[in-house]
Amino acid sequence: MKSFKIIVILFTIIGILAGFAACAWAEQYPRIFFIEAIDPYIDTVTLYDVNGWQWKWEGTEDWEVEDMAAAIMDDNGTPDNIYDDIIIKLYYQDNIADWDEVWVD
């Protein structure tokens, strides 16, 4: 029974370390987007980020123009090149048309 507990502990430790290593190798980062245009004919959403970069996302779902979205991005293995980065997932945040005021300091 004691050897079984040791094996379980070792596999648990190896699993935790493998999880940390996988996170370290996955070069993912967050980004904020605004929906600029929707083309339902080709099922594509055109987005832009706060730097003015334009991106495309397949899947119009229930997106609307002026929606704000948070995204998980992947650098595609090239951390110094944004041109090949891909959007992994978009999450709805808000629609900026619903904002009454914008606070600026």
C-alpha atoms as a PDB file:
ATOM      1  CA  MET A   1       0.000   0.000   0.000  1.00  0.00           C
ATOM      2  CA  LYS A   2       2.874   2.341   0.779  1.00  0.00           C
ATOM      3  CA  SER A   3       4.402   1.853  -2.674  1.00  0.00           C
ATOM      4  CA  PHE A   4       1.022   2.631  -4.276  1.00  0.00           C
ATOM      5  CA  LYS A   5       0.845   5.948  -2.391  1.00  0.00           C
ATOM      6  CA  ILE A   6       4.382   6.824  -3.518  1.00  0.00           C
ATOM      7  CA  ILE A   7       3.506   6.055  -7.145  1.00  0.00           C
ATOM      8  CA  VAL A   8       0.363   8.215  -6.923  1.00  0.00           C
ATOM      9  CA  ILE A   9       2.375  11.072  -5.395  1.00  0.00           C
ATOM     10  CA  LEU A  10       5.051  10.794  -8.107  1.00  0.00           C
ATOM     11  CA  PHE A  11       2.496  10.808 -10.927  1.00  0.00           C
ATOM     12  CA  THR A  12       0.758  13.787  -9.332  1.00  0.00           C
ATOM     13  CA  ILE A  13       4.015  15.734  -9.123  1.00  0.00           C
ATOM     14  CA  ILE A  14       4.923  14.830 -12.713  1.00  0.00           C
ATOM     15  CA  GLY A  15       1.456  15.894 -13.881  1.00  0.00           C
ATOM     16  CA  ILE A  16       1.701  19.257 -12.099  1.00  0.00           C
ATOM     17  CA  LEU A  17       5.176  19.921 -13.514  1.00  0.00           C
ATOM     18  CA  ALA A  18       4.019  18.953 -17.019  1.00  0.00           C
ATOM     19  CA  GLY A  19       1.097  21.385 -16.673  1.00  0.00           C
ATOM     20  CA  PHE A  20       3.433  24.216 -15.688  1.00  0.00           C
ATOM     21  CA  ALA A  21       5.760  23.379 -18.581  1.00  0.00           C
ATOM     22  CA  ALA A  22       2.860  23.359 -21.058  1.00  0.00           C
ATOM     23  CA  CYS A  23       1.769  26.804 -19.876  1.00  0.00           C
ATOM     24  CA  ALA A  24       5.313  28.123 -20.191  1.00  0.00           C
ATOM     25  CA  TRP A  25       5.599  26.850 -23.768  1.00  0.00           C
ATOM     26  CA  ALA A  26       2.202  28.104 -24.866  1.00  0.00           C
ATOM     27  CA  GLU A  27       2.871  31.654 -25.935  1.00  0.00           C
ATOM     28  CA  GLN A  28      -0.607  33.032 -25.456  1.00  0.00           C
ATOM     29  CA  TYR A  29      -1.596  36.540 -24.510  1.00  0.00           C
ATOM     30  CA  PRO A  30      -4.774  38.614 -24.099  1.00  0.00           C
ATOM     31  CA  ARG A  31      -5.940  41.358 -26.461  1.00  0.00           C
ATOM     32  CA  ILE A  32      -8.968  43.670 -26.622  1.00  0.00           C
ATOM     33  CA  PHE A  33     -10.892  44.135 -29.876  1.00  0.00           C
ATOM     34  CA  PHE A  34     -13.760  46.199 -31.219  1.00  0.00           C
ATOM     35  CA  ILE A  35     -16.069  44.789 -33.892  1.00  0.00           C
ATOM     36  CA  GLU A  36     -15.819  46.935 -37.007  1.00  0.00           C
ATOM     37  CA  ALA A  37     -17.821  44.976 -39.592  1.00  0.00           C
ATOM     38  CA  ILE A  38     -19.757  41.743 -39.963  1.00  0.00           C
ATOM     39  CA  ASP A  39     -20.101  39.809 -43.208  1.00  0.00           C
ATOM     40  CA  PRO A  40     -22.717  37.082 -42.727  1.00  0.00           C
ATOM     41  CA  TYR A  41     -22.243  35.794 -46.298  1.00  0.00           C
ATOM     42  CA  ILE A  42     -18.725  34.564 -45.586  1.00  0.00           C
ATOM     43  CA  ASP A  43     -19.334  34.209 -41.808  1.00  0.00           C
ATOM     44  CA  THR A  44     -16.521  36.625 -40.913  1.00  0.00           C
ATOM     45  CA  VAL A  45     -16.171  39.387 -38.347  1.00  0.00           C
ATOM     46  CA  THR A  46     -13.671  42.206 -38.905  1.00  0.00           C
ATOM     47  CA  LEU A  47     -12.134  43.497 -35.689  1.00  0.00           C
ATOM     48  CA  TYR A  48      -9.585  46.119 -34.765  1.00  0.00           C
ATOM     49  CA  ASP A  49      -7.473  46.400 -31.643  1.00  0.00           C
ATOM     50  CA  VAL A  50      -6.492  49.476 -29.665  1.00  0.00           C
ATOM     51  CA  ASN A  51      -3.384  49.903 -31.834  1.00  0.00           C
ATOM     52  CA  GLY A  52      -5.492  50.028 -35.001  1.00  0.00           C
ATOM     53  CA  TRP A  53      -4.452  46.577 -36.244  1.00  0.00           C
ATOM     54  CA  GLN A  54      -7.194  44.843 -38.206  1.00  0.00           C
ATOM     55  CA  TRP A  55      -8.038  41.175 -37.607  1.00  0.00           C
ATOM     56  CA  LYS A  56     -10.541  38.641 -38.932  1.00  0.00           C
ATOM     57  CA  TRP A  57     -12.559  36.049 -37.017  1.00  0.00           C
ATOM     58  CA  GLU A  58     -14.623  33.313 -38.620  1.00  0.00           C
ATOM     59  CA  GLY A  59     -18.020  32.938 -36.985  1.00  0.00           C
ATOM     60  CA  THR A  60     -20.424  35.860 -36.835  1.00  0.00           C
ATOM     61  CA  GLU A  61     -22.577  34.177 -34.147  1.00  0.00           C
ATOM     62  CA  ASP A  62     -24.428  37.034 -32.441  1.00  0.00           C
ATOM     63  CA  TRP A  63     -21.712  39.691 -32.733  1.00  0.00           C
ATOM     64  CA  GLU A  64     -22.770  43.269 -33.461  1.00  0.00           C
ATOM     65  CA  VAL A  65     -20.847  46.254 -34.784  1.00  0.00           C
ATOM     66  CA  GLU A  66     -19.293  48.207 -31.880  1.00  0.00           C
ATOM     67  CA  ASP A  67     -19.169  45.157 -29.610  1.00  0.00           C
ATOM     68  CA  MET A  68     -16.056  44.926 -27.491  1.00  0.00           C
ATOM     69  CA  ALA A  69     -14.371  41.541 -27.197  1.00  0.00           C
ATOM     70  CA  ALA A  70     -11.548  40.126 -25.125  1.00  0.00           C
ATOM     71  CA  ALA A  71      -9.439  37.577 -26.974  1.00  0.00           C
ATOM     72  CA  ILE A  72      -6.914  34.903 -26.245  1.00  0.00           C
ATOM     73  CA  MET A  73      -4.180  35.161 -28.860  1.00  0.00           C
ATOM     74  CA  ASP A  74      -1.418  32.755 -29.848  1.00  0.00           C
ATOM     75  CA  ASP A  75       1.865  34.054 -31.218  1.00  0.00           C
ATOM     76  CA  ASN A  76       2.117  30.991 -33.488  1.00  0.00           C
ATOM     77  CA  GLY A  77       5.654  30.275 -32.295  1.00  0.00           C
ATOM     78  CA  THR A  78       7.038  33.637 -33.418  1.00  0.00           C
ATOM     79  CA  PRO A  79       7.023  36.072 -30.469  1.00  0.00           C
ATOM     80  CA  ASP A  80       8.679  38.850 -32.507  1.00  0.00           C
ATOM     81  CA  ASN A  81       6.190  38.684 -35.415  1.00  0.00           C
ATOM     82  CA  ILE A  82       2.580  39.783 -34.900  1.00  0.00           C
ATOM     83  CA  TYR A  83       1.639  39.175 -38.547  1.00  0.00           C
ATOM     84  CA  ASP A  84       1.114  35.438 -38.067  1.00  0.00           C
ATOM     85  CA  ASP A  85      -0.612  35.588 -34.657  1.00  0.00           C
ATOM     86  CA  ILE A  86      -4.019  33.966 -34.447  1.00  0.00           C
ATOM     87  CA  ILE A  87      -7.128  34.529 -32.379  1.00  0.00           C
ATOM     88  CA  ILE A  88      -7.907  31.401 -30.385  1.00  0.00           C
ATOM     89  CA  LYS A  89     -11.088  32.524 -28.639  1.00  0.00           C
ATOM     90  CA  LEU A  90     -13.233  35.660 -28.430  1.00  0.00           C
ATOM     91  CA  TYR A  91     -15.273  36.595 -25.367  1.00  0.00           C
ATOM     92  CA  TYR A  92     -18.023  39.226 -25.445  1.00  0.00           C
ATOM     93  CA  GLN A  93     -17.356  42.173 -23.096  1.00  0.00           C
ATOM     94  CA  ASP A  94     -19.744  45.029 -23.888  1.00  0.00           C
ATOM     95  CA  ASN A  95     -21.175  47.152 -26.672  1.00  0.00           C
ATOM     96  CA  ILE A  96     -19.650  50.634 -26.730  1.00  0.00           C
ATOM     97  CA  ALA A  97     -22.862  52.098 -28.174  1.00  0.00           C
ATOM     98  CA  ASP A  98     -24.441  51.407 -24.761  1.00  0.00           C
ATOM     99  CA  TRP A  99     -21.958  53.603 -22.899  1.00  0.00           C
ATOM    100  CA  ASP A 100     -23.443  56.873 -21.642  1.00  0.00           C
ATOM    101  CA  GLU A 101     -20.151  58.493 -20.802  1.00  0.00           C
ATOM    102  CA  VAL A 102     -16.503  57.769 -21.301  1.00  0.00           C
ATOM    103  CA  TRP A 103     -14.334  58.767 -18.376  1.00  0.00           C
ATOM    104  CA  VAL A 104     -10.997  60.288 -19.355  1.00  0.00           C
ATOM    105  CA  ASP A 105      -8.448  61.421 -16.804  1.00  0.00           C
END
